[in-house]
Amino acid sequence: MLSQAIRGADLKPCQFSARPSPSRLARMVGPQACLDFATIGPAVFFSGAMPSDCFTLVYARSCPTVGRNLTFGIEHTEGYMGFFPPGGLLDAVTPAGYGNAALTIPSASFHAALTTAFPDIPENILARGAGMRVGPVEHPYLANLLDQCETMLWYSDEVAQPLVRQNLERDLLEAFLAALRSGCNNIVPAVLPRLAARHRRLRQARDFLKAHINEPIYLDDVCVALGLSHRGLENLFQDLLGINPITYLNHKRLHGARRSLLHARPGPGVVKRVAYEWGFVHLGRFARDYLALFGEGPSATLTRR
C-alpha cells in the first residue's frame, strides 16, 4: 500500500528491513490539493516519479535516524522538506519509523498561489526541485498544523464537512508555502564531489542489477561490470543504502514477485512460475524469505483478489 503513499505518484517501494512492521496511511482530499500522511514501520527504499500534473512538497515529520535522498544527493532528518516539480524523480531511503506529510497541488493552482505567497521563487528550484531545511519559525507551525489535521482525520468526522476541508486546505497551503519560502534560504547542500561519484557508481550498480534481475547473477558479475572489488561493492551499498547488495537484489526480486502474484489469476503452479520468473530457483527458500519479508506466504498473496 505504500506505493499509494502520495496521490498520483508512480512509486515502487522496496522494504529494506528484514521483517515487516505496520505502517499507517491517511489522506485528505481538498477542493484543490491533496494531503497524504505516511508513518512507515520498516526501512524502505522509494524509487519512481512524482505526479505528472502536480507540484509535490514532502515534509519529514519524524526521522529517527538519517535518511538519504539520492535524487538531490543529500541526507535528511526531521524538519527537512523535498520540493518536486511535476514528474520529478524520487530516489530515497527512509529509516524505520520515518513519517512524512506530502502535499500535492495541481500546477495551475500552485502557480496561482505563488503569485501572492512567493512570487520571487528561484527559477532553478521551481524547475528542478530541491531539498531544504524548513525555517525555525515555519517548522513548528507546520508541524503543529499537521498534527491537528492528522488527529481530525483519525478521530473526528469534522473533516468530512466541505467547509472544514476548504479551510484546512487554505491553512495548509499557506503553511507549506511559508515553509518553502524559508527553505529556499536554507537549501541542503549536495554531497561533496567524491561522494557524488559514489552515488553515480551506486546508480550504475543498481541499473546493472535491474537489467539482470530475472537471471542468475553473482557478485563477481557486478564487480566486473563496474570495476569494483567485492569489498568496494559491499561498502558502496552498505554505506549509502544500509543494506548489502545480495540482500538488496533479493528484496527487489521478492517485491517483483509480490507484484506479479497480486496481479495473477490463482491456479495450480502459479507461485512456482512467478518464483522462476523472478530468478528464484529454490522454491522452499523463496517461500521462507517471502514470508519473513511480508508476513504472509506467496500463496496467501495470490488469493488476496
C-alpha atoms as a PDB file:
ATOM      1  CA  MET A   1       0.000   0.000   0.000  1.00  0.00           C
ATOM      2  CA  LEU A   2       2.990   2.329   0.354  1.00  0.00           C
ATOM      3  CA  SER A   3       3.002   2.616  -3.443  1.00  0.00           C
ATOM      4  CA  GLN A   4      -0.095   4.818  -2.912  1.00  0.00           C
ATOM      5  CA  ALA A   5       1.532   6.969  -0.217  1.00  0.00           C
ATOM      6  CA  ILE A   6       1.486  10.048  -2.487  1.00  0.00           C
ATOM      7  CA  ARG A   7      -1.592  10.526  -4.608  1.00  0.00           C
ATOM      8  CA  GLY A   8      -0.880  10.341  -8.338  1.00  0.00           C
ATOM      9  CA  ALA A   9       2.769   9.317  -7.909  1.00  0.00           C
ATOM     10  CA  ASP A  10       4.303   6.250  -9.538  1.00  0.00           C
ATOM     11  CA  LEU A  11       6.192   4.814  -6.569  1.00  0.00           C
ATOM     12  CA  LYS A  12       7.916   1.452  -6.247  1.00  0.00           C
ATOM     13  CA  PRO A  13       8.725   0.944  -2.563  1.00  0.00           C
ATOM     14  CA  CYS A  14      11.132  -1.795  -1.541  1.00  0.00           C
ATOM     15  CA  GLN A  15      11.320  -2.817   2.107  1.00  0.00           C
ATOM     16  CA  PHE A  16      14.870  -2.951   3.442  1.00  0.00           C
ATOM     17  CA  SER A  17      14.086  -4.132   6.975  1.00  0.00           C
ATOM     18  CA  ALA A  18      14.379  -7.890   7.408  1.00  0.00           C
ATOM     19  CA  ARG A  19      10.926  -8.188   8.997  1.00  0.00           C
ATOM     20  CA  PRO A  20       7.590  -6.466   8.350  1.00  0.00           C
ATOM     21  CA  SER A  21       6.243  -3.842  10.718  1.00  0.00           C
ATOM     22  CA  PRO A  22       2.972  -1.909  10.424  1.00  0.00           C
ATOM     23  CA  SER A  23       2.704   1.379   8.573  1.00  0.00           C
ATOM     24  CA  ARG A  24      -0.153   3.863   8.655  1.00  0.00           C
ATOM     25  CA  LEU A  25      -1.553   5.998   5.844  1.00  0.00           C
ATOM     26  CA  ALA A  26      -4.177   8.735   5.819  1.00  0.00           C
ATOM     27  CA  ARG A  27      -5.401  11.076   3.097  1.00  0.00           C
ATOM     28  CA  MET A  28      -7.366  14.311   2.963  1.00  0.00           C
ATOM     29  CA  VAL A  29      -8.591  15.449  -0.441  1.00  0.00           C
ATOM     30  CA  GLY A  30      -9.483  19.128  -0.557  1.00  0.00           C
ATOM     31  CA  PRO A  31     -11.107  21.227  -3.266  1.00  0.00           C
ATOM     32  CA  GLN A  32      -7.714  21.627  -4.974  1.00  0.00           C
ATOM     33  CA  ALA A  33      -4.862  19.941  -3.132  1.00  0.00           C
ATOM     34  CA  CYS A  34      -4.357  16.525  -1.559  1.00  0.00           C
ATOM     35  CA  LEU A  35      -2.561  15.852   1.717  1.00  0.00           C
ATOM     36  CA  ASP A  36      -1.120  12.388   2.417  1.00  0.00           C
ATOM     37  CA  PHE A  37       0.204  11.239   5.775  1.00  0.00           C
ATOM     38  CA  ALA A  38       2.544   8.247   5.941  1.00  0.00           C
ATOM     39  CA  THR A  39       4.063   6.724   9.060  1.00  0.00           C
ATOM     40  CA  ILE A  40       6.325   3.948   7.796  1.00  0.00           C
ATOM     41  CA  GLY A  41       7.208   0.999  10.025  1.00  0.00           C
ATOM     42  CA  PRO A  42      10.174  -0.612   8.218  1.00  0.00           C
ATOM     43  CA  ALA A  43      13.138   0.950   6.463  1.00  0.00           C
ATOM     44  CA  VAL A  44      12.065   1.474   2.839  1.00  0.00           C
ATOM     45  CA  PHE A  45      13.731   2.430  -0.419  1.00  0.00           C
ATOM     46  CA  PHE A  46      11.414   4.530  -2.595  1.00  0.00           C
ATOM     47  CA  SER A  47      12.005   4.980  -6.303  1.00  0.00           C
ATOM     48  CA  GLY A  48       9.721   6.334  -9.006  1.00  0.00           C
ATOM     49  CA  ALA A  49       8.194   9.604 -10.149  1.00  0.00           C
ATOM     50  CA  MET A  50       6.015  12.245  -8.560  1.00  0.00           C
ATOM     51  CA  PRO A  51       2.602  13.163 -10.065  1.00  0.00           C
ATOM     52  CA  SER A  52       2.974  14.470 -13.609  1.00  0.00           C
ATOM     53  CA  ASP A  53       0.403  17.238 -13.177  1.00  0.00           C
ATOM     54  CA  CYS A  54       1.196  18.472  -9.662  1.00  0.00           C
ATOM     55  CA  PHE A  55       3.907  20.094  -7.607  1.00  0.00           C
ATOM     56  CA  THR A  56       4.710  17.980  -4.557  1.00  0.00           C
ATOM     57  CA  LEU A  57       6.046  19.089  -1.177  1.00  0.00           C
ATOM     58  CA  VAL A  58       7.156  16.277   1.148  1.00  0.00           C
ATOM     59  CA  TYR A  59       7.793  17.298   4.742  1.00  0.00           C
ATOM     60  CA  ALA A  60       9.625  14.931   7.126  1.00  0.00           C
ATOM     61  CA  ARG A  61       7.705  14.877  10.401  1.00  0.00           C
ATOM     62  CA  SER A  62       9.814  12.187  12.075  1.00  0.00           C
ATOM     63  CA  CYS A  63      13.122  10.622  11.073  1.00  0.00           C
ATOM     64  CA  PRO A  64      14.708   8.581  13.900  1.00  0.00           C
ATOM     65  CA  THR A  65      17.987   8.152  12.028  1.00  0.00           C
ATOM     66  CA  VAL A  66      19.438   9.848   8.975  1.00  0.00           C
ATOM     67  CA  GLY A  67      17.670   9.211   5.664  1.00  0.00           C
ATOM     68  CA  ARG A  68      19.109   9.754   2.192  1.00  0.00           C
ATOM     69  CA  ASN A  69      17.613  11.466  -0.819  1.00  0.00           C
ATOM     70  CA  LEU A  70      19.713  10.265  -3.740  1.00  0.00           C
ATOM     71  CA  THR A  71      17.734  12.451  -6.158  1.00  0.00           C
ATOM     72  CA  PHE A  72      19.228  15.582  -4.638  1.00  0.00           C
ATOM     73  CA  GLY A  73      22.342  13.865  -3.279  1.00  0.00           C
ATOM     74  CA  ILE A  74      21.665  14.833   0.335  1.00  0.00           C
ATOM     75  CA  GLU A  75      20.942  13.411   3.774  1.00  0.00           C
ATOM     76  CA  HIS A  76      17.836  14.393   5.704  1.00  0.00           C
ATOM     77  CA  THR A  77      16.275  14.324   9.166  1.00  0.00           C
ATOM     78  CA  GLU A  78      13.130  15.711  10.792  1.00  0.00           C
ATOM     79  CA  GLY A  79      12.235  19.201   9.539  1.00  0.00           C
ATOM     80  CA  TYR A  80      13.541  18.518   6.036  1.00  0.00           C
ATOM     81  CA  MET A  81      11.322  19.180   3.029  1.00  0.00           C
ATOM     82  CA  GLY A  82      11.682  17.883  -0.512  1.00  0.00           C
ATOM     83  CA  PHE A  83      10.190  20.050  -3.245  1.00  0.00           C
ATOM     84  CA  PHE A  84       9.426  18.294  -6.535  1.00  0.00           C
ATOM     85  CA  PRO A  85       8.204  19.719  -9.848  1.00  0.00           C
ATOM     86  CA  PRO A  86       5.643  17.741 -11.872  1.00  0.00           C
ATOM     87  CA  GLY A  87       7.068  14.333 -12.783  1.00  0.00           C
ATOM     88  CA  GLY A  88      10.123  14.856 -10.569  1.00  0.00           C
ATOM     89  CA  LEU A  89      12.085  11.690  -9.824  1.00  0.00           C
ATOM     90  CA  LEU A  90      12.261  10.212  -6.350  1.00  0.00           C
ATOM     91  CA  ASP A  91      15.142   8.044  -5.148  1.00  0.00           C
ATOM     92  CA  ALA A  92      15.240   7.949  -1.366  1.00  0.00           C
ATOM     93  CA  VAL A  93      15.943   5.714   1.610  1.00  0.00           C
ATOM     94  CA  THR A  94      13.761   6.260   4.673  1.00  0.00           C
ATOM     95  CA  PRO A  95      14.715   4.704   8.019  1.00  0.00           C
ATOM     96  CA  ALA A  96      12.418   2.589  10.174  1.00  0.00           C
ATOM     97  CA  GLY A  97       9.861   4.782  11.946  1.00  0.00           C
ATOM     98  CA  TYR A  98      10.022   7.558   9.355  1.00  0.00           C
ATOM     99  CA  GLY A  99       6.916   9.715   8.911  1.00  0.00           C
ATOM    100  CA  ASN A 100       6.043  12.446   6.436  1.00  0.00           C
ATOM    101  CA  ALA A 101       3.244  14.586   5.077  1.00  0.00           C
ATOM    102  CA  ALA A 102       3.040  15.127   1.318  1.00  0.00           C
ATOM    103  CA  LEU A 103       1.027  17.922  -0.259  1.00  0.00           C
ATOM    104  CA  THR A 104       0.260  17.623  -3.976  1.00  0.00           C
ATOM    105  CA  ILE A 105      -1.072  20.722  -5.739  1.00  0.00           C
ATOM    106  CA  PRO A 106      -2.151  20.912  -9.398  1.00  0.00           C
ATOM    107  CA  SER A 107       0.305  23.013 -11.384  1.00  0.00           C
ATOM    108  CA  ALA A 108      -2.158  25.779 -12.252  1.00  0.00           C
ATOM    109  CA  SER A 109      -3.278  26.159  -8.623  1.00  0.00           C
ATOM    110  CA  PHE A 110       0.315  26.148  -7.391  1.00  0.00           C
ATOM    111  CA  HIS A 111       1.410  28.877  -9.811  1.00  0.00           C
ATOM    112  CA  ALA A 112      -1.636  30.948  -8.854  1.00  0.00           C
ATOM    113  CA  ALA A 113      -0.741  30.637  -5.159  1.00  0.00           C
ATOM    114  CA  LEU A 114       2.875  31.629  -5.850  1.00  0.00           C
ATOM    115  CA  THR A 115       1.837  34.970  -7.365  1.00  0.00           C
ATOM    116  CA  THR A 116       0.941  36.266  -3.911  1.00  0.00           C
ATOM    117  CA  ALA A 117       2.768  33.962  -1.476  1.00  0.00           C
ATOM    118  CA  PHE A 118       6.158  33.539  -3.156  1.00  0.00           C
ATOM    119  CA  PRO A 119       6.432  35.373  -6.492  1.00  0.00           C
ATOM    120  CA  ASP A 120      10.228  35.509  -6.371  1.00  0.00           C
ATOM    121  CA  ILE A 121      10.822  31.774  -6.011  1.00  0.00           C
ATOM    122  CA  PRO A 122      14.145  30.955  -7.726  1.00  0.00           C
ATOM    123  CA  GLU A 123      13.526  29.639 -11.226  1.00  0.00           C
ATOM    124  CA  ASN A 124      16.083  26.848 -10.905  1.00  0.00           C
ATOM    125  CA  ILE A 125      14.325  25.476  -7.812  1.00  0.00           C
ATOM    126  CA  LEU A 126      10.915  25.773  -9.460  1.00  0.00           C
ATOM    127  CA  ALA A 127      12.173  23.827 -12.474  1.00  0.00           C
ATOM    128  CA  ARG A 128      14.335  21.159 -10.819  1.00  0.00           C
ATOM    129  CA  GLY A 129      13.173  20.944  -7.218  1.00  0.00           C
ATOM    130  CA  ALA A 130      15.406  20.840  -4.157  1.00  0.00           C
ATOM    131  CA  GLY A 131      15.886  19.506  -0.657  1.00  0.00           C
ATOM    132  CA  MET A 132      15.744  22.116   2.103  1.00  0.00           C
ATOM    133  CA  ARG A 133      15.525  22.745   5.823  1.00  0.00           C
ATOM    134  CA  VAL A 134      12.344  24.482   6.937  1.00  0.00           C
ATOM    135  CA  GLY A 135      12.960  27.673   8.913  1.00  0.00           C
ATOM    136  CA  PRO A 136      12.911  27.753  12.752  1.00  0.00           C
ATOM    137  CA  VAL A 137       9.611  29.669  12.833  1.00  0.00           C
ATOM    138  CA  GLU A 138       7.848  27.839   9.995  1.00  0.00           C
ATOM    139  CA  HIS A 139       8.888  24.343  11.135  1.00  0.00           C
ATOM    140  CA  PRO A 140       6.981  24.199  14.465  1.00  0.00           C
ATOM    141  CA  TYR A 141       3.960  25.967  12.962  1.00  0.00           C
ATOM    142  CA  LEU A 142       3.684  23.480  10.107  1.00  0.00           C
ATOM    143  CA  ALA A 143       4.351  20.522  12.410  1.00  0.00           C
ATOM    144  CA  ASN A 144       1.592  21.617  14.814  1.00  0.00           C
ATOM    145  CA  LEU A 145      -0.898  22.216  11.996  1.00  0.00           C
ATOM    146  CA  LEU A 146      -0.189  18.780  10.561  1.00  0.00           C
ATOM    147  CA  ASP A 147      -0.641  17.160  13.988  1.00  0.00           C
ATOM    148  CA  GLN A 148      -4.057  18.808  14.301  1.00  0.00           C
ATOM    149  CA  CYS A 149      -5.038  17.779  10.799  1.00  0.00           C
ATOM    150  CA  GLU A 150      -3.994  14.158  11.289  1.00  0.00           C
ATOM    151  CA  THR A 151      -5.861  13.960  14.593  1.00  0.00           C
ATOM    152  CA  MET A 152      -9.009  15.172  12.870  1.00  0.00           C
ATOM    153  CA  LEU A 153      -8.599  12.624  10.095  1.00  0.00           C
ATOM    154  CA  TRP A 154      -8.286   9.696  12.502  1.00  0.00           C
ATOM    155  CA  TYR A 155     -10.585  10.688  15.354  1.00  0.00           C
ATOM    156  CA  SER A 156     -13.167  13.196  14.102  1.00  0.00           C
ATOM    157  CA  ASP A 157     -15.758  13.371  11.340  1.00  0.00           C
ATOM    158  CA  GLU A 158     -15.409  17.151  11.040  1.00  0.00           C
ATOM    159  CA  VAL A 159     -13.062  16.805   8.098  1.00  0.00           C
ATOM    160  CA  ALA A 160     -15.917  15.264   6.099  1.00  0.00           C
ATOM    161  CA  GLN A 161     -17.581  18.682   6.013  1.00  0.00           C
ATOM    162  CA  PRO A 162     -16.702  20.589   2.796  1.00  0.00           C
ATOM    163  CA  LEU A 163     -16.224  23.936   4.553  1.00  0.00           C
ATOM    164  CA  VAL A 164     -13.832  22.408   7.112  1.00  0.00           C
ATOM    165  CA  ARG A 165     -11.764  20.783   4.356  1.00  0.00           C
ATOM    166  CA  GLN A 166     -11.690  24.040   2.422  1.00  0.00           C
ATOM    167  CA  ASN A 167     -10.417  26.000   5.429  1.00  0.00           C
ATOM    168  CA  LEU A 168      -7.869  23.301   6.294  1.00  0.00           C
ATOM    169  CA  GLU A 169      -6.596  23.284   2.734  1.00  0.00           C
ATOM    170  CA  ARG A 170      -6.171  27.063   2.804  1.00  0.00           C
ATOM    171  CA  ASP A 171      -4.211  26.943   6.069  1.00  0.00           C
ATOM    172  CA  LEU A 172      -2.081  24.015   4.881  1.00  0.00           C
ATOM    173  CA  LEU A 173      -1.241  25.660   1.576  1.00  0.00           C
ATOM    174  CA  GLU A 174      -0.204  28.855   3.358  1.00  0.00           C
ATOM    175  CA  ALA A 175       1.923  26.893   5.841  1.00  0.00           C
ATOM    176  CA  PHE A 176       3.616  24.773   3.162  1.00  0.00           C
ATOM    177  CA  LEU A 177       4.346  27.828   1.012  1.00  0.00           C
ATOM    178  CA  ALA A 178       5.798  29.643   4.032  1.00  0.00           C
ATOM    179  CA  ALA A 179       7.944  26.557   4.682  1.00  0.00           C
ATOM    180  CA  LEU A 180       9.025  26.550   1.042  1.00  0.00           C
ATOM    181  CA  ARG A 181       9.921  30.231   1.167  1.00  0.00           C
ATOM    182  CA  SER A 182      12.015  29.760   4.293  1.00  0.00           C
ATOM    183  CA  GLY A 183      13.546  26.567   2.923  1.00  0.00           C
ATOM    184  CA  CYS A 184      14.750  28.272  -0.245  1.00  0.00           C
ATOM    185  CA  ASN A 185      17.047  30.275   2.029  1.00  0.00           C
ATOM    186  CA  ASN A 186      18.379  27.065   3.544  1.00  0.00           C
ATOM    187  CA  ILE A 187      18.925  24.613   0.696  1.00  0.00           C
ATOM    188  CA  VAL A 188      20.659  21.445   1.877  1.00  0.00           C
ATOM    189  CA  PRO A 189      23.986  21.345   0.037  1.00  0.00           C
ATOM    190  CA  ALA A 190      24.664  18.421  -2.245  1.00  0.00           C
ATOM    191  CA  VAL A 191      27.303  15.940  -1.244  1.00  0.00           C
ATOM    192  CA  LEU A 192      30.970  16.542  -1.980  1.00  0.00           C
ATOM    193  CA  PRO A 193      32.281  15.515  -5.430  1.00  0.00           C
ATOM    194  CA  ARG A 194      33.867  12.335  -4.098  1.00  0.00           C
ATOM    195  CA  LEU A 195      30.576  11.185  -2.562  1.00  0.00           C
ATOM    196  CA  ALA A 196      28.694  12.266  -5.688  1.00  0.00           C
ATOM    197  CA  ALA A 197      30.922   9.877  -7.654  1.00  0.00           C
ATOM    198  CA  ARG A 198      29.923   7.087  -5.257  1.00  0.00           C
ATOM    199  CA  HIS A 199      26.259   7.956  -5.845  1.00  0.00           C
ATOM    200  CA  ARG A 200      26.815   7.580  -9.586  1.00  0.00           C
ATOM    201  CA  ARG A 201      28.588   4.267  -9.055  1.00  0.00           C
ATOM    202  CA  LEU A 202      25.694   3.045  -6.907  1.00  0.00           C
ATOM    203  CA  ARG A 203      23.237   4.026  -9.646  1.00  0.00           C
ATOM    204  CA  GLN A 204      25.295   2.049 -12.168  1.00  0.00           C
ATOM    205  CA  ALA A 205      25.257  -0.986  -9.891  1.00  0.00           C
ATOM    206  CA  ARG A 206      21.518  -0.744  -9.367  1.00  0.00           C
ATOM    207  CA  ASP A 207      20.930  -0.333 -13.108  1.00  0.00           C
ATOM    208  CA  PHE A 208      23.036  -3.446 -13.771  1.00  0.00           C
ATOM    209  CA  LEU A 209      21.100  -5.471 -11.201  1.00  0.00           C
ATOM    210  CA  LYS A 210      17.788  -4.225 -12.608  1.00  0.00           C
ATOM    211  CA  ALA A 211      18.791  -5.262 -16.133  1.00  0.00           C
ATOM    212  CA  HIS A 212      19.624  -8.786 -14.930  1.00  0.00           C
ATOM    213  CA  ILE A 213      17.069  -9.146 -12.142  1.00  0.00           C
ATOM    214  CA  ASN A 214      15.431 -12.244 -13.668  1.00  0.00           C
ATOM    215  CA  GLU A 215      18.726 -14.012 -14.341  1.00  0.00           C
ATOM    216  CA  PRO A 216      21.147 -15.973 -12.153  1.00  0.00           C
ATOM    217  CA  ILE A 217      23.666 -13.342 -11.092  1.00  0.00           C
ATOM    218  CA  TYR A 218      26.633 -13.248  -8.725  1.00  0.00           C
ATOM    219  CA  LEU A 219      28.642 -10.524  -7.039  1.00  0.00           C
ATOM    220  CA  ASP A 220      31.510 -11.241  -9.406  1.00  0.00           C
ATOM    221  CA  ASP A 221      29.296 -10.228 -12.352  1.00  0.00           C
ATOM    222  CA  VAL A 222      28.559  -6.835 -10.795  1.00  0.00           C
ATOM    223  CA  CYS A 223      32.158  -6.292  -9.732  1.00  0.00           C
ATOM    224  CA  VAL A 224      33.457  -6.999 -13.234  1.00  0.00           C
ATOM    225  CA  ALA A 225      30.839  -4.734 -14.833  1.00  0.00           C
ATOM    226  CA  LEU A 226      31.691  -1.823 -12.516  1.00  0.00           C
ATOM    227  CA  GLY A 227      35.394  -2.467 -11.993  1.00  0.00           C
ATOM    228  CA  LEU A 228      34.986  -2.845  -8.235  1.00  0.00           C
ATOM    229  CA  SER A 229      36.291  -5.323  -5.692  1.00  0.00           C
ATOM    230  CA  HIS A 230      33.897  -7.349  -3.537  1.00  0.00           C
ATOM    231  CA  ARG A 231      34.719  -5.141  -0.558  1.00  0.00           C
ATOM    232  CA  GLY A 232      34.223  -1.991  -2.625  1.00  0.00           C
ATOM    233  CA  LEU A 233      30.803  -3.142  -3.815  1.00  0.00           C
ATOM    234  CA  GLU A 234      29.730  -4.217  -0.327  1.00  0.00           C
ATOM    235  CA  ASN A 235      30.832  -0.900   1.165  1.00  0.00           C
ATOM    236  CA  LEU A 236      29.057   1.060  -1.568  1.00  0.00           C
ATOM    237  CA  PHE A 237      25.673  -0.487  -0.785  1.00  0.00           C
ATOM    238  CA  GLN A 238      26.171  -0.637   2.960  1.00  0.00           C
ATOM    239  CA  ASP A 239      27.315   2.984   3.276  1.00  0.00           C
ATOM    240  CA  LEU A 240      24.664   4.546   1.017  1.00  0.00           C
ATOM    241  CA  LEU A 241      21.691   2.218   1.410  1.00  0.00           C
ATOM    242  CA  GLY A 242      22.389   0.454   4.693  1.00  0.00           C
ATOM    243  CA  ILE A 243      21.999  -2.957   3.067  1.00  0.00           C
ATOM    244  CA  ASN A 244      24.357  -5.364   1.299  1.00  0.00           C
ATOM    245  CA  PRO A 245      23.998  -5.916  -2.465  1.00  0.00           C
ATOM    246  CA  ILE A 246      22.825  -9.535  -2.216  1.00  0.00           C
ATOM    247  CA  THR A 247      20.044  -8.611   0.213  1.00  0.00           C
ATOM    248  CA  TYR A 248      19.162  -5.623  -1.967  1.00  0.00           C
ATOM    249  CA  LEU A 249      18.777  -7.850  -5.030  1.00  0.00           C
ATOM    250  CA  ASN A 250      16.817 -10.465  -3.086  1.00  0.00           C
ATOM    251  CA  HIS A 251      14.383  -7.869  -1.718  1.00  0.00           C
ATOM    252  CA  LYS A 252      13.887  -6.298  -5.159  1.00  0.00           C
ATOM    253  CA  ARG A 253      13.104  -9.739  -6.581  1.00  0.00           C
ATOM    254  CA  LEU A 254      10.702 -10.541  -3.741  1.00  0.00           C
ATOM    255  CA  HIS A 255       8.847  -7.277  -4.324  1.00  0.00           C
ATOM    256  CA  GLY A 256       8.675  -8.027  -8.034  1.00  0.00           C
ATOM    257  CA  ALA A 257       7.278 -11.471  -7.303  1.00  0.00           C
ATOM    258  CA  ARG A 258       4.726  -9.943  -4.943  1.00  0.00           C
ATOM    259  CA  ARG A 259       3.502  -7.539  -7.621  1.00  0.00           C
ATOM    260  CA  SER A 260       3.192 -10.434 -10.067  1.00  0.00           C
ATOM    261  CA  LEU A 261       1.243 -12.544  -7.553  1.00  0.00           C
ATOM    262  CA  LEU A 262      -1.122  -9.689  -6.758  1.00  0.00           C
ATOM    263  CA  HIS A 263      -2.000  -9.382 -10.454  1.00  0.00           C
ATOM    264  CA  ALA A 264      -2.048 -13.114 -11.297  1.00  0.00           C
ATOM    265  CA  ARG A 265      -5.119 -15.327 -11.540  1.00  0.00           C
ATOM    266  CA  PRO A 266      -4.979 -18.067  -8.853  1.00  0.00           C
ATOM    267  CA  GLY A 267      -4.357 -21.539 -10.175  1.00  0.00           C
ATOM    268  CA  PRO A 268      -2.078 -24.569  -9.971  1.00  0.00           C
ATOM    269  CA  GLY A 269       1.611 -23.834 -10.437  1.00  0.00           C
ATOM    270  CA  VAL A 270       1.272 -20.029 -10.421  1.00  0.00           C
ATOM    271  CA  VAL A 271       3.518 -19.484  -7.387  1.00  0.00           C
ATOM    272  CA  LYS A 272       6.192 -21.738  -8.885  1.00  0.00           C
ATOM    273  CA  ARG A 273       6.021 -19.947 -12.246  1.00  0.00           C
ATOM    274  CA  VAL A 274       6.273 -16.495 -10.640  1.00  0.00           C
ATOM    275  CA  ALA A 275       9.202 -17.598  -8.481  1.00  0.00           C
ATOM    276  CA  TYR A 276      11.132 -18.823 -11.524  1.00  0.00           C
ATOM    277  CA  GLU A 277      10.278 -15.666 -13.484  1.00  0.00           C
ATOM    278  CA  TRP A 278      11.922 -13.568 -10.770  1.00  0.00           C
ATOM    279  CA  GLY A 279      15.090 -15.622 -10.588  1.00  0.00           C
ATOM    280  CA  PHE A 280      14.290 -17.877  -7.621  1.00  0.00           C
ATOM    281  CA  VAL A 281      15.421 -21.454  -8.227  1.00  0.00           C
ATOM    282  CA  HIS A 282      14.956 -22.800  -4.659  1.00  0.00           C
ATOM    283  CA  LEU A 283      11.205 -22.707  -4.020  1.00  0.00           C
ATOM    284  CA  GLY A 284      11.500 -23.527  -0.317  1.00  0.00           C
ATOM    285  CA  ARG A 285      13.936 -20.658   0.233  1.00  0.00           C
ATOM    286  CA  PHE A 286      11.719 -18.351  -1.819  1.00  0.00           C
ATOM    287  CA  ALA A 287       8.671 -19.177   0.334  1.00  0.00           C
ATOM    288  CA  ARG A 288      10.678 -18.734   3.549  1.00  0.00           C
ATOM    289  CA  ASP A 289      12.163 -15.367   2.527  1.00  0.00           C
ATOM    290  CA  TYR A 290       8.813 -14.157   1.214  1.00  0.00           C
ATOM    291  CA  LEU A 291       7.072 -14.983   4.490  1.00  0.00           C
ATOM    292  CA  ALA A 292       9.821 -13.317   6.519  1.00  0.00           C
ATOM    293  CA  LEU A 293       9.683 -10.092   4.489  1.00  0.00           C
ATOM    294  CA  PHE A 294       5.928  -9.683   4.014  1.00  0.00           C
ATOM    295  CA  GLY A 295       4.415 -11.567   6.922  1.00  0.00           C
ATOM    296  CA  GLU A 296       2.428 -13.886   4.651  1.00  0.00           C
ATOM    297  CA  GLY A 297       3.262 -16.705   2.261  1.00  0.00           C
ATOM    298  CA  PRO A 298       3.168 -16.318  -1.539  1.00  0.00           C
ATOM    299  CA  SER A 299       0.021 -18.472  -1.788  1.00  0.00           C
ATOM    300  CA  ALA A 300      -1.791 -16.113   0.581  1.00  0.00           C
ATOM    301  CA  THR A 301      -0.836 -13.148  -1.605  1.00  0.00           C
ATOM    302  CA  LEU A 302      -2.061 -14.965  -4.712  1.00  0.00           C
ATOM    303  CA  THR A 303      -5.523 -15.492  -3.227  1.00  0.00           C
ATOM    304  CA  ARG A 304      -5.939 -11.921  -1.972  1.00  0.00           C
ATOM    305  CA  ARG A 305      -8.036 -10.958  -5.024  1.00  0.00           C
END
